[in-house]
Amino acid sequence: MSEKKKRGRPSKDTSNSVYVIIKDPLMEPYYIQKDATNFTVMKKVTPTRGFAGKEAKGEEIERTVAYFTSFRNALYRISKEKFSSHSGEYNTIQEYIQEWENIKNGIGNLLNTINV
């Protein structure tokens, strides 16, 4: 008997996919999930508001920030997210640029050690 061919989009086969979670104290509260096709930047957050205006339960949840095809781009996005989350006032442009360089270099040093 001939084998019946399936039509349509193939189902998601998770048996062959590689699933890795990459965490580092420099990236907190962000981390990276890697599967067979991409790198996903995730963020741990604690909601301040519950569903439909109800009180929040205070449980930590994970939110997807973005998907990337390269590890370098995922780390660069984390550095941008960490920098944009800083609030405050800068007295000079140099102070602002120095803060960006500190965050970028912290994650950039990780890239230089692994040479991706």
PDB file of N, CA and C in Angstrom:
ATOM      1  N   MET A   1       0.825  -1.182   0.000  1.00  0.00           N
ATOM      2  CA  MET A   1       0.000   0.000   0.000  1.00  0.00           C
ATOM      3  C   MET A   1       0.871   1.246   0.000  1.00  0.00           C
ATOM      4  N   SER A   2       0.404   2.239  -0.666  1.00  0.00           N
ATOM      5  CA  SER A   2       1.164   3.492  -0.698  1.00  0.00           C
ATOM      6  C   SER A   2       0.881   4.304   0.568  1.00  0.00           C
ATOM      7  N   GLU A   3       1.899   5.029   0.976  1.00  0.00           N
ATOM      8  CA  GLU A   3       1.778   5.845   2.190  1.00  0.00           C
ATOM      9  C   GLU A   3       1.050   7.140   1.836  1.00  0.00           C
ATOM     10  N   LYS A   4       0.154   7.534   2.703  1.00  0.00           N
ATOM     11  CA  LYS A   4      -0.642   8.730   2.469  1.00  0.00           C
ATOM     12  C   LYS A   4       0.190   9.975   2.792  1.00  0.00           C
ATOM     13  N   LYS A   5       0.238  10.926   1.852  1.00  0.00           N
ATOM     14  CA  LYS A   5       0.993  12.148   2.067  1.00  0.00           C
ATOM     15  C   LYS A   5       0.143  13.146   2.846  1.00  0.00           C
ATOM     16  N   LYS A   6       0.799  13.819   3.794  1.00  0.00           N
ATOM     17  CA  LYS A   6       0.100  14.838   4.568  1.00  0.00           C
ATOM     18  C   LYS A   6       0.159  16.156   3.822  1.00  0.00           C
ATOM     19  N   ARG A   7      -0.898  16.924   3.943  1.00  0.00           N
ATOM     20  CA  ARG A   7      -0.949  18.225   3.294  1.00  0.00           C
ATOM     21  C   ARG A   7      -0.853  19.323   4.332  1.00  0.00           C
ATOM     22  N   GLY A   8      -0.494  20.505   3.871  1.00  0.00           N
ATOM     23  CA  GLY A   8      -0.459  21.654   4.760  1.00  0.00           C
ATOM     24  C   GLY A   8       0.890  21.849   5.415  1.00  0.00           C
ATOM     25  N   ARG A   9       0.914  22.766   6.330  1.00  0.00           N
ATOM     26  CA  ARG A   9       2.142  23.112   7.035  1.00  0.00           C
ATOM     27  C   ARG A   9       2.519  21.991   7.993  1.00  0.00           C
ATOM     28  N   PRO A  10       3.805  21.647   8.058  1.00  0.00           N
ATOM     29  CA  PRO A  10       4.207  20.566   8.964  1.00  0.00           C
ATOM     30  C   PRO A  10       4.015  20.967  10.429  1.00  0.00           C
ATOM     31  N   SER A  11       3.735  19.976  11.248  1.00  0.00           N
ATOM     32  CA  SER A  11       3.537  20.248  12.667  1.00  0.00           C
ATOM     33  C   SER A  11       4.872  20.575  13.316  1.00  0.00           C
ATOM     34  N   LYS A  12       4.806  21.270  14.442  1.00  0.00           N
ATOM     35  CA  LYS A  12       6.022  21.643  15.154  1.00  0.00           C
ATOM     36  C   LYS A  12       6.601  20.394  15.804  1.00  0.00           C
ATOM     37  N   ASP A  13       7.775  20.034  15.375  1.00  0.00           N
ATOM     38  CA  ASP A  13       8.447  18.851  15.905  1.00  0.00           C
ATOM     39  C   ASP A  13       9.448  19.299  16.956  1.00  0.00           C
ATOM     40  N   THR A  14       9.122  19.081  18.222  1.00  0.00           N
ATOM     41  CA  THR A  14       9.997  19.524  19.305  1.00  0.00           C
ATOM     42  C   THR A  14      11.031  18.479  19.687  1.00  0.00           C
ATOM     43  N   SER A  15      10.971  17.300  19.099  1.00  0.00           N
ATOM     44  CA  SER A  15      11.912  16.246  19.476  1.00  0.00           C
ATOM     45  C   SER A  15      13.339  16.549  19.008  1.00  0.00           C
ATOM     46  N   ASN A  16      13.499  17.263  17.887  1.00  0.00           N
ATOM     47  CA  ASN A  16      14.826  17.571  17.368  1.00  0.00           C
ATOM     48  C   ASN A  16      15.313  18.955  17.755  1.00  0.00           C
ATOM     49  N   SER A  17      14.473  19.761  18.363  1.00  0.00           N
ATOM     50  CA  SER A  17      14.890  21.130  18.660  1.00  0.00           C
ATOM     51  C   SER A  17      15.772  21.176  19.905  1.00  0.00           C
ATOM     52  N   VAL A  18      16.787  22.019  19.833  1.00  0.00           N
ATOM     53  CA  VAL A  18      17.700  22.228  20.942  1.00  0.00           C
ATOM     54  C   VAL A  18      17.149  23.389  21.745  1.00  0.00           C
ATOM     55  N   TYR A  19      17.009  23.200  23.031  1.00  0.00           N
ATOM     56  CA  TYR A  19      16.430  24.235  23.863  1.00  0.00           C
ATOM     57  C   TYR A  19      17.413  24.547  24.989  1.00  0.00           C
ATOM     58  N   VAL A  20      17.903  25.783  25.009  1.00  0.00           N
ATOM     59  CA  VAL A  20      18.900  26.200  25.979  1.00  0.00           C
ATOM     60  C   VAL A  20      18.450  27.508  26.614  1.00  0.00           C
ATOM     61  N   ILE A  21      18.690  27.657  27.905  1.00  0.00           N
ATOM     62  CA  ILE A  21      18.425  28.912  28.593  1.00  0.00           C
ATOM     63  C   ILE A  21      19.763  29.482  29.033  1.00  0.00           C
ATOM     64  N   ILE A  22      20.010  30.746  28.686  1.00  0.00           N
ATOM     65  CA  ILE A  22      21.276  31.408  28.994  1.00  0.00           C
ATOM     66  C   ILE A  22      20.994  32.541  29.966  1.00  0.00           C
ATOM     67  N   LYS A  23      21.564  32.442  31.185  1.00  0.00           N
ATOM     68  CA  LYS A  23      21.376  33.462  32.210  1.00  0.00           C
ATOM     69  C   LYS A  23      22.736  33.945  32.685  1.00  0.00           C
ATOM     70  N   ASP A  24      22.800  35.204  33.073  1.00  0.00           N
ATOM     71  CA  ASP A  24      24.028  35.781  33.603  1.00  0.00           C
ATOM     72  C   ASP A  24      23.638  36.954  34.500  1.00  0.00           C
ATOM     73  N   PRO A  25      24.331  37.158  35.622  1.00  0.00           N
ATOM     74  CA  PRO A  25      23.997  38.287  36.500  1.00  0.00           C
ATOM     75  C   PRO A  25      24.096  39.650  35.813  1.00  0.00           C
ATOM     76  N   LEU A  26      24.965  39.776  34.795  1.00  0.00           N
ATOM     77  CA  LEU A  26      25.066  41.039  34.059  1.00  0.00           C
ATOM     78  C   LEU A  26      23.804  41.348  33.262  1.00  0.00           C
ATOM     79  N   MET A  27      23.051  40.325  32.902  1.00  0.00           N
ATOM     80  CA  MET A  27      21.861  40.520  32.077  1.00  0.00           C
ATOM     81  C   MET A  27      20.580  40.655  32.888  1.00  0.00           C
ATOM     82  N   GLU A  28      20.602  40.379  34.179  1.00  0.00           N
ATOM     83  CA  GLU A  28      19.381  40.386  34.981  1.00  0.00           C
ATOM     84  C   GLU A  28      18.615  41.681  34.806  1.00  0.00           C
ATOM     85  N   PRO A  29      17.323  41.703  34.699  1.00  0.00           N
ATOM     86  CA  PRO A  29      16.311  40.659  34.774  1.00  0.00           C
ATOM     87  C   PRO A  29      16.044  39.971  33.437  1.00  0.00           C
ATOM     88  N   TYR A  30      16.951  40.139  32.462  1.00  0.00           N
ATOM     89  CA  TYR A  30      16.787  39.532  31.143  1.00  0.00           C
ATOM     90  C   TYR A  30      17.543  38.212  31.075  1.00  0.00           C
ATOM     91  N   TYR A  31      17.101  37.358  30.157  1.00  0.00           N
ATOM     92  CA  TYR A  31      17.833  36.143  29.848  1.00  0.00           C
ATOM     93  C   TYR A  31      17.483  35.732  28.428  1.00  0.00           C
ATOM     94  N   ILE A  32      18.220  34.757  27.903  1.00  0.00           N
ATOM     95  CA  ILE A  32      18.046  34.351  26.509  1.00  0.00           C
ATOM     96  C   ILE A  32      17.645  32.886  26.454  1.00  0.00           C
ATOM     97  N   GLN A  33      16.649  32.601  25.628  1.00  0.00           N
ATOM     98  CA  GLN A  33      16.266  31.218  25.330  1.00  0.00           C
ATOM     99  C   GLN A  33      16.700  30.931  23.902  1.00  0.00           C
ATOM    100  N   LYS A  34      17.361  29.798  23.698  1.00  0.00           N
ATOM    101  CA  LYS A  34      17.802  29.418  22.358  1.00  0.00           C
ATOM    102  C   LYS A  34      17.115  28.126  21.962  1.00  0.00           C
ATOM    103  N   ASP A  35      16.571  28.133  20.759  1.00  0.00           N
ATOM    104  CA  ASP A  35      16.023  26.888  20.222  1.00  0.00           C
ATOM    105  C   ASP A  35      16.695  26.621  18.876  1.00  0.00           C
ATOM    106  N   ALA A  36      16.145  25.750  18.095  1.00  0.00           N
ATOM    107  CA  ALA A  36      16.791  25.343  16.851  1.00  0.00           C
ATOM    108  C   ALA A  36      16.877  26.473  15.826  1.00  0.00           C
ATOM    109  N   THR A  37      16.010  27.465  15.905  1.00  0.00           N
ATOM    110  CA  THR A  37      15.983  28.482  14.858  1.00  0.00           C
ATOM    111  C   THR A  37      16.342  29.887  15.305  1.00  0.00           C
ATOM    112  N   ASN A  38      16.193  30.216  16.592  1.00  0.00           N
ATOM    113  CA  ASN A  38      16.458  31.598  16.975  1.00  0.00           C
ATOM    114  C   ASN A  38      16.811  31.750  18.450  1.00  0.00           C
ATOM    115  N   PHE A  39      17.146  32.981  18.805  1.00  0.00           N
ATOM    116  CA  PHE A  39      17.414  33.378  20.183  1.00  0.00           C
ATOM    117  C   PHE A  39      16.267  34.285  20.609  1.00  0.00           C
ATOM    118  N   THR A  40      15.673  34.011  21.754  1.00  0.00           N
ATOM    119  CA  THR A  40      14.569  34.804  22.258  1.00  0.00           C
ATOM    120  C   THR A  40      15.008  35.514  23.522  1.00  0.00           C
ATOM    121  N   VAL A  41      14.892  36.845  23.526  1.00  0.00           N
ATOM    122  CA  VAL A  41      15.213  37.623  24.717  1.00  0.00           C
ATOM    123  C   VAL A  41      13.966  37.679  25.580  1.00  0.00           C
ATOM    124  N   MET A  42      14.106  37.254  26.836  1.00  0.00           N
ATOM    125  CA  MET A  42      12.998  37.223  27.785  1.00  0.00           C
ATOM    126  C   MET A  42      13.309  38.149  28.955  1.00  0.00           C
ATOM    127  N   LYS A  43      12.263  38.619  29.624  1.00  0.00           N
ATOM    128  CA  LYS A  43      12.429  39.489  30.788  1.00  0.00           C
ATOM    129  C   LYS A  43      11.520  38.978  31.900  1.00  0.00           C
ATOM    130  N   LYS A  44      12.071  38.909  33.118  1.00  0.00           N
ATOM    131  CA  LYS A  44      11.287  38.548  34.289  1.00  0.00           C
ATOM    132  C   LYS A  44      10.689  39.833  34.859  1.00  0.00           C
ATOM    133  N   VAL A  45       9.374  39.849  35.028  1.00  0.00           N
ATOM    134  CA  VAL A  45       8.695  41.029  35.572  1.00  0.00           C
ATOM    135  C   VAL A  45       7.676  40.606  36.616  1.00  0.00           C
ATOM    136  N   THR A  46       7.370  41.526  37.510  1.00  0.00           N
ATOM    137  CA  THR A  46       6.307  41.321  38.483  1.00  0.00           C
ATOM    138  C   THR A  46       5.226  42.350  38.176  1.00  0.00           C
ATOM    139  N   PRO A  47       4.060  41.906  37.728  1.00  0.00           N
ATOM    140  CA  PRO A  47       3.005  42.849  37.354  1.00  0.00           C
ATOM    141  C   PRO A  47       2.544  43.685  38.548  1.00  0.00           C
ATOM    142  N   THR A  48       2.202  44.927  38.256  1.00  0.00           N
ATOM    143  CA  THR A  48       1.691  45.812  39.299  1.00  0.00           C
ATOM    144  C   THR A  48       0.171  45.888  39.263  1.00  0.00           C
ATOM    145  N   ARG A  49      -0.423  45.350  38.199  1.00  0.00           N
ATOM    146  CA  ARG A  49      -1.862  45.382  38.050  1.00  0.00           C
ATOM    147  C   ARG A  49      -2.350  44.015  37.592  1.00  0.00           C
ATOM    148  N   GLY A  50      -3.432  43.575  38.136  1.00  0.00           N
ATOM    149  CA  GLY A  50      -3.973  42.279  37.769  1.00  0.00           C
ATOM    150  C   GLY A  50      -4.890  42.365  36.567  1.00  0.00           C
ATOM    151  N   PHE A  51      -5.487  41.236  36.216  1.00  0.00           N
ATOM    152  CA  PHE A  51      -6.391  41.157  35.082  1.00  0.00           C
ATOM    153  C   PHE A  51      -7.677  41.924  35.376  1.00  0.00           C
ATOM    154  N   ALA A  52      -8.135  42.697  34.418  1.00  0.00           N
ATOM    155  CA  ALA A  52      -9.386  43.464  34.503  1.00  0.00           C
ATOM    156  C   ALA A  52      -9.402  44.408  35.703  1.00  0.00           C
ATOM    157  N   GLY A  53      -8.252  45.004  36.003  1.00  0.00           N
ATOM    158  CA  GLY A  53      -8.175  45.997  37.070  1.00  0.00           C
ATOM    159  C   GLY A  53      -8.124  45.427  38.468  1.00  0.00           C
ATOM    160  N   LYS A  54      -8.084  44.117  38.591  1.00  0.00           N
ATOM    161  CA  LYS A  54      -8.005  43.505  39.913  1.00  0.00           C
ATOM    162  C   LYS A  54      -6.608  43.658  40.489  1.00  0.00           C
ATOM    163  N   GLU A  55      -6.456  43.349  41.748  1.00  0.00           N
ATOM    164  CA  GLU A  55      -5.164  43.463  42.411  1.00  0.00           C
ATOM    165  C   GLU A  55      -4.206  42.405  41.873  1.00  0.00           C
ATOM    166  N   ALA A  56      -2.947  42.795  41.709  1.00  0.00           N
ATOM    167  CA  ALA A  56      -1.930  41.871  41.205  1.00  0.00           C
ATOM    168  C   ALA A  56      -1.607  40.826  42.267  1.00  0.00           C
ATOM    169  N   LYS A  57      -1.269  39.631  41.797  1.00  0.00           N
ATOM    170  CA  LYS A  57      -0.935  38.542  42.708  1.00  0.00           C
ATOM    171  C   LYS A  57       0.509  38.619  43.187  1.00  0.00           C
ATOM    172  N   GLY A  58       1.335  39.406  42.532  1.00  0.00           N
ATOM    173  CA  GLY A  58       2.729  39.537  42.931  1.00  0.00           C
ATOM    174  C   GLY A  58       3.610  38.396  42.464  1.00  0.00           C
ATOM    175  N   GLU A  59       3.123  37.586  41.555  1.00  0.00           N
ATOM    176  CA  GLU A  59       3.905  36.473  41.029  1.00  0.00           C
ATOM    177  C   GLU A  59       4.784  36.965  39.882  1.00  0.00           C
ATOM    178  N   GLU A  60       5.999  36.478  39.830  1.00  0.00           N
ATOM    179  CA  GLU A  60       6.914  36.841  38.756  1.00  0.00           C
ATOM    180  C   GLU A  60       6.526  36.095  37.485  1.00  0.00           C
ATOM    181  N   ILE A  61       6.457  36.827  36.377  1.00  0.00           N
ATOM    182  CA  ILE A  61       6.136  36.209  35.085  1.00  0.00           C
ATOM    183  C   ILE A  61       7.251  36.522  34.098  1.00  0.00           C
ATOM    184  N   GLU A  62       7.226  35.834  32.973  1.00  0.00           N
ATOM    185  CA  GLU A  62       8.236  36.028  31.934  1.00  0.00           C
ATOM    186  C   GLU A  62       7.570  36.629  30.707  1.00  0.00           C
ATOM    187  N   ARG A  63       8.188  37.689  30.164  1.00  0.00           N
ATOM    188  CA  ARG A  63       7.665  38.341  28.973  1.00  0.00           C
ATOM    189  C   ARG A  63       8.690  38.243  27.855  1.00  0.00           C
ATOM    190  N   THR A  64       8.199  38.005  26.653  1.00  0.00           N
ATOM    191  CA  THR A  64       9.069  37.967  25.489  1.00  0.00           C
ATOM    192  C   THR A  64       9.362  39.397  25.058  1.00  0.00           C
ATOM    193  N   VAL A  65      10.641  39.712  24.881  1.00  0.00           N
ATOM    194  CA  VAL A  65      11.045  41.043  24.435  1.00  0.00           C
ATOM    195  C   VAL A  65      11.190  41.055  22.920  1.00  0.00           C
ATOM    196  N   ALA A  66      11.966  40.108  22.366  1.00  0.00           N
ATOM    197  CA  ALA A  66      12.189  40.067  20.920  1.00  0.00           C
ATOM    198  C   ALA A  66      12.823  38.740  20.524  1.00  0.00           C
ATOM    199  N   TYR A  67      12.783  38.460  19.213  1.00  0.00           N
ATOM    200  CA  TYR A  67      13.390  37.266  18.642  1.00  0.00           C
ATOM    201  C   TYR A  67      14.550  37.687  17.741  1.00  0.00           C
ATOM    202  N   PHE A  68      15.656  36.939  17.785  1.00  0.00           N
ATOM    203  CA  PHE A  68      16.835  37.264  16.988  1.00  0.00           C
ATOM    204  C   PHE A  68      17.428  36.003  16.376  1.00  0.00           C
ATOM    205  N   THR A  69      18.114  36.168  15.241  1.00  0.00           N
ATOM    206  CA  THR A  69      18.774  35.032  14.608  1.00  0.00           C
ATOM    207  C   THR A  69      20.218  34.898  15.045  1.00  0.00           C
ATOM    208  N   SER A  70      20.772  35.932  15.727  1.00  0.00           N
ATOM    209  CA  SER A  70      22.159  35.836  16.188  1.00  0.00           C
ATOM    210  C   SER A  70      22.247  36.164  17.676  1.00  0.00           C
ATOM    211  N   PHE A  71      23.206  35.535  18.308  1.00  0.00           N
ATOM    212  CA  PHE A  71      23.444  35.741  19.735  1.00  0.00           C
ATOM    213  C   PHE A  71      23.914  37.173  19.997  1.00  0.00           C
ATOM    214  N   ARG A  72      24.747  37.703  19.116  1.00  0.00           N
ATOM    215  CA  ARG A  72      25.265  39.058  19.256  1.00  0.00           C
ATOM    216  C   ARG A  72      24.131  40.082  19.273  1.00  0.00           C
ATOM    217  N   ASN A  73      23.174  39.943  18.371  1.00  0.00           N
ATOM    218  CA  ASN A  73      22.054  40.890  18.324  1.00  0.00           C
ATOM    219  C   ASN A  73      21.171  40.780  19.566  1.00  0.00           C
ATOM    220  N   ALA A  74      21.021  39.581  20.086  1.00  0.00           N
ATOM    221  CA  ALA A  74      20.227  39.398  21.307  1.00  0.00           C
ATOM    222  C   ALA A  74      20.898  40.107  22.487  1.00  0.00           C
ATOM    223  N   LEU A  75      22.215  39.972  22.607  1.00  0.00           N
ATOM    224  CA  LEU A  75      22.934  40.654  23.687  1.00  0.00           C
ATOM    225  C   LEU A  75      22.909  42.166  23.519  1.00  0.00           C
ATOM    226  N   TYR A  76      23.001  42.637  22.285  1.00  0.00           N
ATOM    227  CA  TYR A  76      22.954  44.078  22.046  1.00  0.00           C
ATOM    228  C   TYR A  76      21.585  44.638  22.455  1.00  0.00           C
ATOM    229  N   ARG A  77      20.527  43.900  22.157  1.00  0.00           N
ATOM    230  CA  ARG A  77      19.184  44.354  22.541  1.00  0.00           C
ATOM    231  C   ARG A  77      19.042  44.415  24.061  1.00  0.00           C
ATOM    232  N   ILE A  78      19.610  43.444  24.755  1.00  0.00           N
ATOM    233  CA  ILE A  78      19.562  43.460  26.218  1.00  0.00           C
ATOM    234  C   ILE A  78      20.280  44.690  26.751  1.00  0.00           C
ATOM    235  N   SER A  79      21.421  45.033  26.170  1.00  0.00           N
ATOM    236  CA  SER A  79      22.137  46.225  26.640  1.00  0.00           C
ATOM    237  C   SER A  79      21.314  47.485  26.396  1.00  0.00           C
ATOM    238  N   LYS A  80      20.628  47.571  25.264  1.00  0.00           N
ATOM    239  CA  LYS A  80      19.770  48.727  24.999  1.00  0.00           C
ATOM    240  C   LYS A  80      18.603  48.787  25.979  1.00  0.00           C
ATOM    241  N   GLU A  81      18.009  47.636  26.272  1.00  0.00           N
ATOM    242  CA  GLU A  81      16.888  47.586  27.214  1.00  0.00           C
ATOM    243  C   GLU A  81      17.330  48.000  28.616  1.00  0.00           C
ATOM    244  N   LYS A  82      18.482  47.510  29.039  1.00  0.00           N
ATOM    245  CA  LYS A  82      18.985  47.863  30.372  1.00  0.00           C
ATOM    246  C   LYS A  82      19.279  49.362  30.466  1.00  0.00           C
ATOM    247  N   PHE A  83      19.822  49.940  29.393  1.00  0.00           N
ATOM    248  CA  PHE A  83      20.135  51.367  29.408  1.00  0.00           C
ATOM    249  C   PHE A  83      18.858  52.206  29.419  1.00  0.00           C
ATOM    250  N   SER A  84      17.873  51.819  28.639  1.00  0.00           N
ATOM    251  CA  SER A  84      16.641  52.616  28.569  1.00  0.00           C
ATOM    252  C   SER A  84      15.822  52.513  29.852  1.00  0.00           C
ATOM    253  N   SER A  85      16.086  51.499  30.665  1.00  0.00           N
ATOM    254  CA  SER A  85      15.335  51.361  31.915  1.00  0.00           C
ATOM    255  C   SER A  85      15.903  52.244  33.024  1.00  0.00           C
ATOM    256  N   HIS A  86      17.105  52.808  32.804  1.00  0.00           N
ATOM    257  CA  HIS A  86      17.676  53.715  33.802  1.00  0.00           C
ATOM    258  C   HIS A  86      16.908  55.032  33.789  1.00  0.00           C
ATOM    259  N   SER A  87      16.492  55.453  34.938  1.00  0.00           N
ATOM    260  CA  SER A  87      15.844  56.753  35.022  1.00  0.00           C
ATOM    261  C   SER A  87      16.717  57.669  35.864  1.00  0.00           C
ATOM    262  N   GLY A  88      16.546  58.913  35.680  1.00  0.00           N
ATOM    263  CA  GLY A  88      17.342  59.859  36.448  1.00  0.00           C
ATOM    264  C   GLY A  88      17.699  61.056  35.609  1.00  0.00           C
ATOM    265  N   GLU A  89      18.593  61.818  36.133  1.00  0.00           N
ATOM    266  CA  GLU A  89      18.999  63.039  35.457  1.00  0.00           C
ATOM    267  C   GLU A  89      20.505  63.011  35.262  1.00  0.00           C
ATOM    268  N   TYR A  90      20.931  63.389  34.078  1.00  0.00           N
ATOM    269  CA  TYR A  90      22.350  63.477  33.761  1.00  0.00           C
ATOM    270  C   TYR A  90      22.712  64.946  33.651  1.00  0.00           C
ATOM    271  N   ASN A  91      23.808  65.339  34.275  1.00  0.00           N
ATOM    272  CA  ASN A  91      24.211  66.739  34.281  1.00  0.00           C
ATOM    273  C   ASN A  91      24.998  67.134  33.037  1.00  0.00           C
ATOM    274  N   THR A  92      25.607  66.144  32.383  1.00  0.00           N
ATOM    275  CA  THR A  92      26.366  66.429  31.165  1.00  0.00           C
ATOM    276  C   THR A  92      26.111  65.335  30.144  1.00  0.00           C
ATOM    277  N   ILE A  93      26.403  65.656  28.907  1.00  0.00           N
ATOM    278  CA  ILE A  93      26.297  64.656  27.845  1.00  0.00           C
ATOM    279  C   ILE A  93      27.323  63.558  28.080  1.00  0.00           C
ATOM    280  N   GLN A  94      28.488  63.948  28.560  1.00  0.00           N
ATOM    281  CA  GLN A  94      29.552  62.981  28.833  1.00  0.00           C
ATOM    282  C   GLN A  94      29.099  61.951  29.868  1.00  0.00           C
ATOM    283  N   GLU A  95      28.375  62.393  30.887  1.00  0.00           N
ATOM    284  CA  GLU A  95      27.868  61.480  31.922  1.00  0.00           C
ATOM    285  C   GLU A  95      26.866  60.491  31.323  1.00  0.00           C
ATOM    286  N   TYR A  96      26.023  60.968  30.428  1.00  0.00           N
ATOM    287  CA  TYR A  96      25.045  60.123  29.743  1.00  0.00           C
ATOM    288  C   TYR A  96      25.749  59.081  28.872  1.00  0.00           C
ATOM    289  N   ILE A  97      26.726  59.527  28.104  1.00  0.00           N
ATOM    290  CA  ILE A  97      27.465  58.618  27.219  1.00  0.00           C
ATOM    291  C   ILE A  97      28.254  57.600  28.037  1.00  0.00           C
ATOM    292  N   GLN A  98      28.834  58.034  29.155  1.00  0.00           N
ATOM    293  CA  GLN A  98      29.598  57.129  30.011  1.00  0.00           C
ATOM    294  C   GLN A  98      28.717  56.015  30.570  1.00  0.00           C
ATOM    295  N   GLU A  99      27.488  56.345  30.944  1.00  0.00           N
ATOM    296  CA  GLU A  99      26.547  55.331  31.450  1.00  0.00           C
ATOM    297  C   GLU A  99      26.230  54.302  30.374  1.00  0.00           C
ATOM    298  N   TRP A 100      26.005  54.773  29.132  1.00  0.00           N
ATOM    299  CA  TRP A 100      25.737  53.865  28.019  1.00  0.00           C
ATOM    300  C   TRP A 100      26.948  52.961  27.771  1.00  0.00           C
ATOM    301  N   GLU A 101      28.142  53.530  27.794  1.00  0.00           N
ATOM    302  CA  GLU A 101      29.359  52.752  27.573  1.00  0.00           C
ATOM    303  C   GLU A 101      29.548  51.692  28.658  1.00  0.00           C
ATOM    304  N   ASN A 102      29.243  52.008  29.903  1.00  0.00           N
ATOM    305  CA  ASN A 102      29.375  51.039  30.994  1.00  0.00           C
ATOM    306  C   ASN A 102      28.481  49.833  30.775  1.00  0.00           C
ATOM    307  N   ILE A 103      27.246  50.082  30.392  1.00  0.00           N
ATOM    308  CA  ILE A 103      26.308  48.974  30.170  1.00  0.00           C
ATOM    309  C   ILE A 103      26.705  48.191  28.932  1.00  0.00           C
ATOM    310  N   LYS A 104      27.023  48.884  27.860  1.00  0.00           N
ATOM    311  CA  LYS A 104      27.394  48.224  26.611  1.00  0.00           C
ATOM    312  C   LYS A 104      28.674  47.407  26.772  1.00  0.00           C
ATOM    313  N   ASN A 105      29.647  47.949  27.487  1.00  0.00           N
ATOM    314  CA  ASN A 105      30.907  47.227  27.677  1.00  0.00           C
ATOM    315  C   ASN A 105      30.747  46.005  28.570  1.00  0.00           C
ATOM    316  N   GLY A 106      29.863  46.077  29.556  1.00  0.00           N
ATOM    317  CA  GLY A 106      29.632  44.928  30.424  1.00  0.00           C
ATOM    318  C   GLY A 106      29.154  43.727  29.641  1.00  0.00           C
ATOM    319  N   ILE A 107      28.211  43.931  28.747  1.00  0.00           N
ATOM    320  CA  ILE A 107      27.710  42.828  27.929  1.00  0.00           C
ATOM    321  C   ILE A 107      28.652  42.571  26.764  1.00  0.00           C
ATOM    322  N   GLY A 108      29.296  43.615  26.248  1.00  0.00           N
ATOM    323  CA  GLY A 108      30.261  43.442  25.156  1.00  0.00           C
ATOM    324  C   GLY A 108      31.435  42.582  25.563  1.00  0.00           C
ATOM    325  N   ASN A 109      31.851  42.671  26.824  1.00  0.00           N
ATOM    326  CA  ASN A 109      32.950  41.831  27.309  1.00  0.00           C
ATOM    327  C   ASN A 109      32.591  40.360  27.245  1.00  0.00           C
ATOM    328  N   LEU A 110      31.320  40.046  27.458  1.00  0.00           N
ATOM    329  CA  LEU A 110      30.885  38.652  27.317  1.00  0.00           C
ATOM    330  C   LEU A 110      31.089  38.179  25.883  1.00  0.00           C
ATOM    331  N   LEU A 111      30.735  39.021  24.914  1.00  0.00           N
ATOM    332  CA  LEU A 111      30.892  38.656  23.520  1.00  0.00           C
ATOM    333  C   LEU A 111      32.359  38.468  23.146  1.00  0.00           C
ATOM    334  N   ASN A 112      33.210  39.332  23.662  1.00  0.00           N
ATOM    335  CA  ASN A 112      34.628  39.235  23.323  1.00  0.00           C
ATOM    336  C   ASN A 112      35.272  37.965  23.870  1.00  0.00           C
ATOM    337  N   THR A 113      34.792  37.487  25.004  1.00  0.00           N
ATOM    338  CA  THR A 113      35.383  36.270  25.564  1.00  0.00           C
ATOM    339  C   THR A 113      34.960  35.032  24.810  1.00  0.00           C
ATOM    340  N   ILE A 114      33.751  35.054  24.240  1.00  0.00           N
ATOM    341  CA  ILE A 114      33.298  33.869  23.489  1.00  0.00           C
ATOM    342  C   ILE A 114      33.565  33.991  21.998  1.00  0.00           C
ATOM    343  N   ASN A 115      33.842  35.214  21.518  1.00  0.00           N
ATOM    344  CA  ASN A 115      34.182  35.456  20.125  1.00  0.00           C
ATOM    345  C   ASN A 115      33.146  34.888  19.168  1.00  0.00           C
ATOM    346  N   VAL A 116      31.894  35.348  19.309  1.00  0.00           N
ATOM    347  CA  VAL A 116      30.805  34.882  18.447  1.00  0.00           C
ATOM    348  C   VAL A 116      30.746  35.722  17.203  1.00  0.00           C
TER     349      VAL A 116
END
